[in-house]
Amino acid sequence: MAKETQNSKQSSTPVEELSYEEAYEELNQIVAKLEAEELTLEQTISLFERGQNLAQYCTDILDKTEMRIQQITGEQVIDFDSPDI
């Protein structure tokens, strides 16, 4: 029961007030709920929308972090998937 309260509390927090780690954890919880539980259509849509917002927020943080690293190092960040490595 405490876990449900914690999850409800997390999902009521505005996305912009979450740290990257909190947003990523909540996103993982949403994915698990969408995959494992039988939800009403309204619940599914609500969770999906929250998940989309969290995913965009996490992406924005990562993009800003990459730009910051580029500014600090004065170099272009190397793509780890690049075949040149």
N, C-alpha and C. Protein backbone atom coordinates (compact mmCIF):
# COMPACT_ATOMS: atom_id res chain seq x y z
N MET A 1 0.82 -1.19 0.00
CA MET A 1 0.00 0.00 0.00
C MET A 1 0.86 1.26 0.00
N ALA A 2 1.96 1.24 0.75
CA ALA A 2 2.85 2.39 0.78
C ALA A 2 3.45 2.65 -0.59
N LYS A 3 3.70 1.56 -1.33
CA LYS A 3 4.27 1.71 -2.67
C LYS A 3 3.29 2.42 -3.59
N GLU A 4 1.99 2.10 -3.47
CA GLU A 4 0.99 2.78 -4.30
C GLU A 4 0.96 4.26 -3.99
N THR A 5 1.05 4.61 -2.70
CA THR A 5 1.04 6.01 -2.31
C THR A 5 2.26 6.72 -2.87
N GLN A 6 3.41 6.06 -2.79
CA GLN A 6 4.64 6.65 -3.32
C GLN A 6 4.52 6.86 -4.83
N ASN A 7 4.00 5.88 -5.57
CA ASN A 7 3.84 6.00 -7.01
C ASN A 7 2.87 7.11 -7.36
N SER A 8 1.77 7.21 -6.60
CA SER A 8 0.80 8.27 -6.85
C SER A 8 1.43 9.63 -6.62
N LYS A 9 2.23 9.73 -5.56
CA LYS A 9 2.92 10.97 -5.24
C LYS A 9 3.88 11.35 -6.35
N GLN A 10 4.62 10.36 -6.87
CA GLN A 10 5.57 10.63 -7.93
C GLN A 10 4.86 11.15 -9.17
N SER A 11 3.77 10.50 -9.56
CA SER A 11 3.12 10.88 -10.80
C SER A 11 2.40 12.22 -10.69
N SER A 12 2.16 12.71 -9.47
CA SER A 12 1.53 14.02 -9.32
C SER A 12 2.56 15.15 -9.30
N THR A 13 3.84 14.81 -9.19
CA THR A 13 4.90 15.81 -9.21
C THR A 13 5.10 16.29 -10.65
N PRO A 14 5.13 17.61 -10.85
CA PRO A 14 5.39 18.10 -12.20
C PRO A 14 6.72 17.57 -12.73
N VAL A 15 6.74 17.19 -13.98
CA VAL A 15 7.92 16.59 -14.59
C VAL A 15 9.14 17.49 -14.41
N GLU A 16 8.97 18.79 -14.56
CA GLU A 16 10.08 19.72 -14.49
C GLU A 16 10.73 19.79 -13.11
N GLU A 17 10.03 19.29 -12.09
CA GLU A 17 10.57 19.32 -10.74
C GLU A 17 11.33 18.04 -10.38
N LEU A 18 11.37 17.07 -11.28
CA LEU A 18 12.05 15.81 -11.02
C LEU A 18 13.50 15.88 -11.46
N SER A 19 14.34 15.14 -10.76
CA SER A 19 15.71 14.97 -11.22
C SER A 19 15.67 13.98 -12.38
N TYR A 20 16.78 13.89 -13.10
CA TYR A 20 16.84 12.91 -14.19
C TYR A 20 16.58 11.51 -13.66
N GLU A 21 17.21 11.17 -12.54
CA GLU A 21 17.07 9.83 -11.98
C GLU A 21 15.64 9.54 -11.56
N GLU A 22 14.96 10.51 -10.97
CA GLU A 22 13.57 10.32 -10.57
C GLU A 22 12.67 10.13 -11.79
N ALA A 23 12.89 10.96 -12.81
CA ALA A 23 12.08 10.86 -14.03
C ALA A 23 12.30 9.53 -14.73
N TYR A 24 13.55 9.09 -14.79
CA TYR A 24 13.87 7.83 -15.45
C TYR A 24 13.25 6.65 -14.70
N GLU A 25 13.32 6.69 -13.37
CA GLU A 25 12.73 5.62 -12.55
C GLU A 25 11.21 5.57 -12.73
N GLU A 26 10.59 6.74 -12.71
CA GLU A 26 9.13 6.77 -12.90
C GLU A 26 8.77 6.27 -14.29
N LEU A 27 9.55 6.63 -15.29
CA LEU A 27 9.31 6.15 -16.65
C LEU A 27 9.38 4.62 -16.70
N ASN A 28 10.37 4.05 -16.03
CA ASN A 28 10.48 2.59 -15.97
C ASN A 28 9.28 1.96 -15.28
N GLN A 29 8.79 2.59 -14.23
CA GLN A 29 7.61 2.10 -13.52
C GLN A 29 6.37 2.14 -14.43
N ILE A 30 6.26 3.20 -15.19
CA ILE A 30 5.12 3.33 -16.11
C ILE A 30 5.17 2.24 -17.17
N VAL A 31 6.34 2.00 -17.73
CA VAL A 31 6.49 0.95 -18.74
C VAL A 31 6.07 -0.39 -18.16
N ALA A 32 6.53 -0.68 -16.94
CA ALA A 32 6.18 -1.95 -16.30
C ALA A 32 4.66 -2.06 -16.09
N LYS A 33 4.04 -0.97 -15.66
CA LYS A 33 2.58 -0.99 -15.46
C LYS A 33 1.85 -1.21 -16.78
N LEU A 34 2.30 -0.54 -17.82
CA LEU A 34 1.64 -0.68 -19.11
C LEU A 34 1.82 -2.09 -19.67
N GLU A 35 2.94 -2.71 -19.38
CA GLU A 35 3.20 -4.06 -19.88
C GLU A 35 2.52 -5.14 -19.04
N ALA A 36 2.41 -4.93 -17.73
CA ALA A 36 2.00 -6.01 -16.83
C ALA A 36 0.56 -5.94 -16.34
N GLU A 37 0.02 -4.78 -16.17
CA GLU A 37 -1.29 -4.66 -15.52
C GLU A 37 -2.40 -4.45 -16.54
N GLU A 38 -3.57 -4.90 -16.13
CA GLU A 38 -4.75 -4.58 -16.92
C GLU A 38 -5.29 -3.26 -16.42
N LEU A 39 -5.27 -2.30 -17.28
CA LEU A 39 -5.69 -0.94 -16.94
C LEU A 39 -6.88 -0.55 -17.79
N THR A 40 -7.62 0.40 -17.29
CA THR A 40 -8.70 0.94 -18.10
C THR A 40 -8.08 1.76 -19.23
N LEU A 41 -8.86 2.05 -20.22
CA LEU A 41 -8.39 2.85 -21.34
C LEU A 41 -7.91 4.21 -20.85
N GLU A 42 -8.68 4.81 -19.96
CA GLU A 42 -8.32 6.13 -19.43
C GLU A 42 -7.01 6.08 -18.65
N GLN A 43 -6.82 5.05 -17.85
CA GLN A 43 -5.56 4.89 -17.10
C GLN A 43 -4.39 4.70 -18.06
N THR A 44 -4.60 3.90 -19.08
CA THR A 44 -3.55 3.64 -20.06
C THR A 44 -3.16 4.92 -20.78
N ILE A 45 -4.13 5.69 -21.19
CA ILE A 45 -3.85 6.95 -21.89
C ILE A 45 -3.12 7.92 -20.97
N SER A 46 -3.57 8.00 -19.73
CA SER A 46 -2.94 8.90 -18.76
C SER A 46 -1.49 8.50 -18.51
N LEU A 47 -1.24 7.22 -18.29
CA LEU A 47 0.13 6.74 -18.07
C LEU A 47 0.99 6.94 -19.31
N PHE A 48 0.42 6.67 -20.48
CA PHE A 48 1.17 6.85 -21.72
C PHE A 48 1.57 8.31 -21.91
N GLU A 49 0.64 9.22 -21.65
CA GLU A 49 0.92 10.65 -21.78
C GLU A 49 2.02 11.08 -20.80
N ARG A 50 1.91 10.62 -19.55
CA ARG A 50 2.94 10.94 -18.55
C ARG A 50 4.29 10.37 -19.00
N GLY A 51 4.27 9.14 -19.50
CA GLY A 51 5.50 8.51 -19.97
C GLY A 51 6.14 9.29 -21.12
N GLN A 52 5.33 9.77 -22.04
CA GLN A 52 5.85 10.58 -23.15
C GLN A 52 6.51 11.85 -22.62
N ASN A 53 5.86 12.49 -21.66
CA ASN A 53 6.43 13.71 -21.07
C ASN A 53 7.75 13.41 -20.35
N LEU A 54 7.78 12.31 -19.61
CA LEU A 54 9.00 11.93 -18.90
C LEU A 54 10.12 11.59 -19.88
N ALA A 55 9.80 10.87 -20.94
CA ALA A 55 10.81 10.49 -21.93
C ALA A 55 11.39 11.74 -22.60
N GLN A 56 10.54 12.69 -22.94
CA GLN A 56 11.02 13.93 -23.57
C GLN A 56 11.88 14.72 -22.60
N TYR A 57 11.47 14.76 -21.35
CA TYR A 57 12.23 15.47 -20.31
C TYR A 57 13.62 14.86 -20.15
N CYS A 58 13.68 13.53 -20.07
CA CYS A 58 14.97 12.84 -19.94
C CYS A 58 15.85 13.09 -21.16
N THR A 59 15.27 13.05 -22.34
CA THR A 59 16.01 13.33 -23.56
C THR A 59 16.56 14.75 -23.56
N ASP A 60 15.75 15.69 -23.14
CA ASP A 60 16.19 17.09 -23.08
C ASP A 60 17.36 17.25 -22.11
N ILE A 61 17.28 16.60 -20.95
CA ILE A 61 18.37 16.68 -19.98
C ILE A 61 19.65 16.10 -20.57
N LEU A 62 19.54 14.95 -21.22
CA LEU A 62 20.72 14.33 -21.82
C LEU A 62 21.32 15.20 -22.92
N ASP A 63 20.46 15.82 -23.73
CA ASP A 63 20.94 16.71 -24.79
C ASP A 63 21.68 17.91 -24.21
N LYS A 64 21.12 18.50 -23.15
CA LYS A 64 21.76 19.64 -22.50
C LYS A 64 23.08 19.23 -21.87
N THR A 65 23.12 18.04 -21.30
CA THR A 65 24.35 17.54 -20.69
C THR A 65 25.42 17.34 -21.75
N GLU A 66 25.04 16.79 -22.88
CA GLU A 66 26.00 16.59 -23.97
C GLU A 66 26.56 17.93 -24.44
N MET A 67 25.70 18.92 -24.59
CA MET A 67 26.17 20.24 -25.02
C MET A 67 27.10 20.85 -23.97
N ARG A 68 26.79 20.64 -22.72
CA ARG A 68 27.64 21.17 -21.64
C ARG A 68 29.03 20.52 -21.68
N ILE A 69 29.06 19.21 -21.89
CA ILE A 69 30.33 18.51 -21.99
C ILE A 69 31.14 19.03 -23.17
N GLN A 70 30.46 19.28 -24.28
CA GLN A 70 31.14 19.83 -25.45
C GLN A 70 31.73 21.20 -25.14
N GLN A 71 31.00 22.02 -24.40
CA GLN A 71 31.50 23.35 -24.05
C GLN A 71 32.69 23.25 -23.11
N ILE A 72 32.62 22.32 -22.16
CA ILE A 72 33.70 22.17 -21.18
C ILE A 72 34.97 21.67 -21.86
N THR A 73 34.83 20.67 -22.71
CA THR A 73 36.01 20.07 -23.34
C THR A 73 36.45 20.81 -24.59
N GLY A 74 35.55 21.59 -25.15
CA GLY A 74 35.87 22.29 -26.39
C GLY A 74 35.96 21.36 -27.57
N GLU A 75 35.45 20.16 -27.42
CA GLU A 75 35.51 19.16 -28.47
C GLU A 75 34.12 18.59 -28.72
N GLN A 76 34.04 17.93 -29.85
CA GLN A 76 32.80 17.24 -30.17
C GLN A 76 32.78 15.92 -29.40
N VAL A 77 31.61 15.59 -28.84
CA VAL A 77 31.46 14.34 -28.11
C VAL A 77 31.45 13.18 -29.10
N ILE A 78 32.19 12.13 -28.80
CA ILE A 78 32.28 10.97 -29.68
C ILE A 78 31.07 10.07 -29.46
N ASP A 79 30.44 9.67 -30.54
CA ASP A 79 29.31 8.76 -30.48
C ASP A 79 29.85 7.36 -30.22
N PHE A 80 29.42 6.72 -29.14
CA PHE A 80 29.92 5.39 -28.79
C PHE A 80 29.51 4.33 -29.80
N ASP A 81 28.49 4.58 -30.58
CA ASP A 81 28.05 3.64 -31.58
C ASP A 81 28.80 3.82 -32.91
N SER A 82 29.67 4.80 -32.94
CA SER A 82 30.39 5.11 -34.16
C SER A 82 31.35 3.99 -34.54
N PRO A 83 31.38 3.59 -35.80
CA PRO A 83 32.30 2.53 -36.24
C PRO A 83 33.76 2.99 -36.25
N ASP A 84 34.02 4.29 -36.07
CA ASP A 84 35.37 4.82 -36.10
C ASP A 84 36.14 4.55 -34.81
N ILE A 85 35.46 4.10 -33.79
CA ILE A 85 36.11 3.89 -32.48
C ILE A 85 36.92 2.63 -32.49
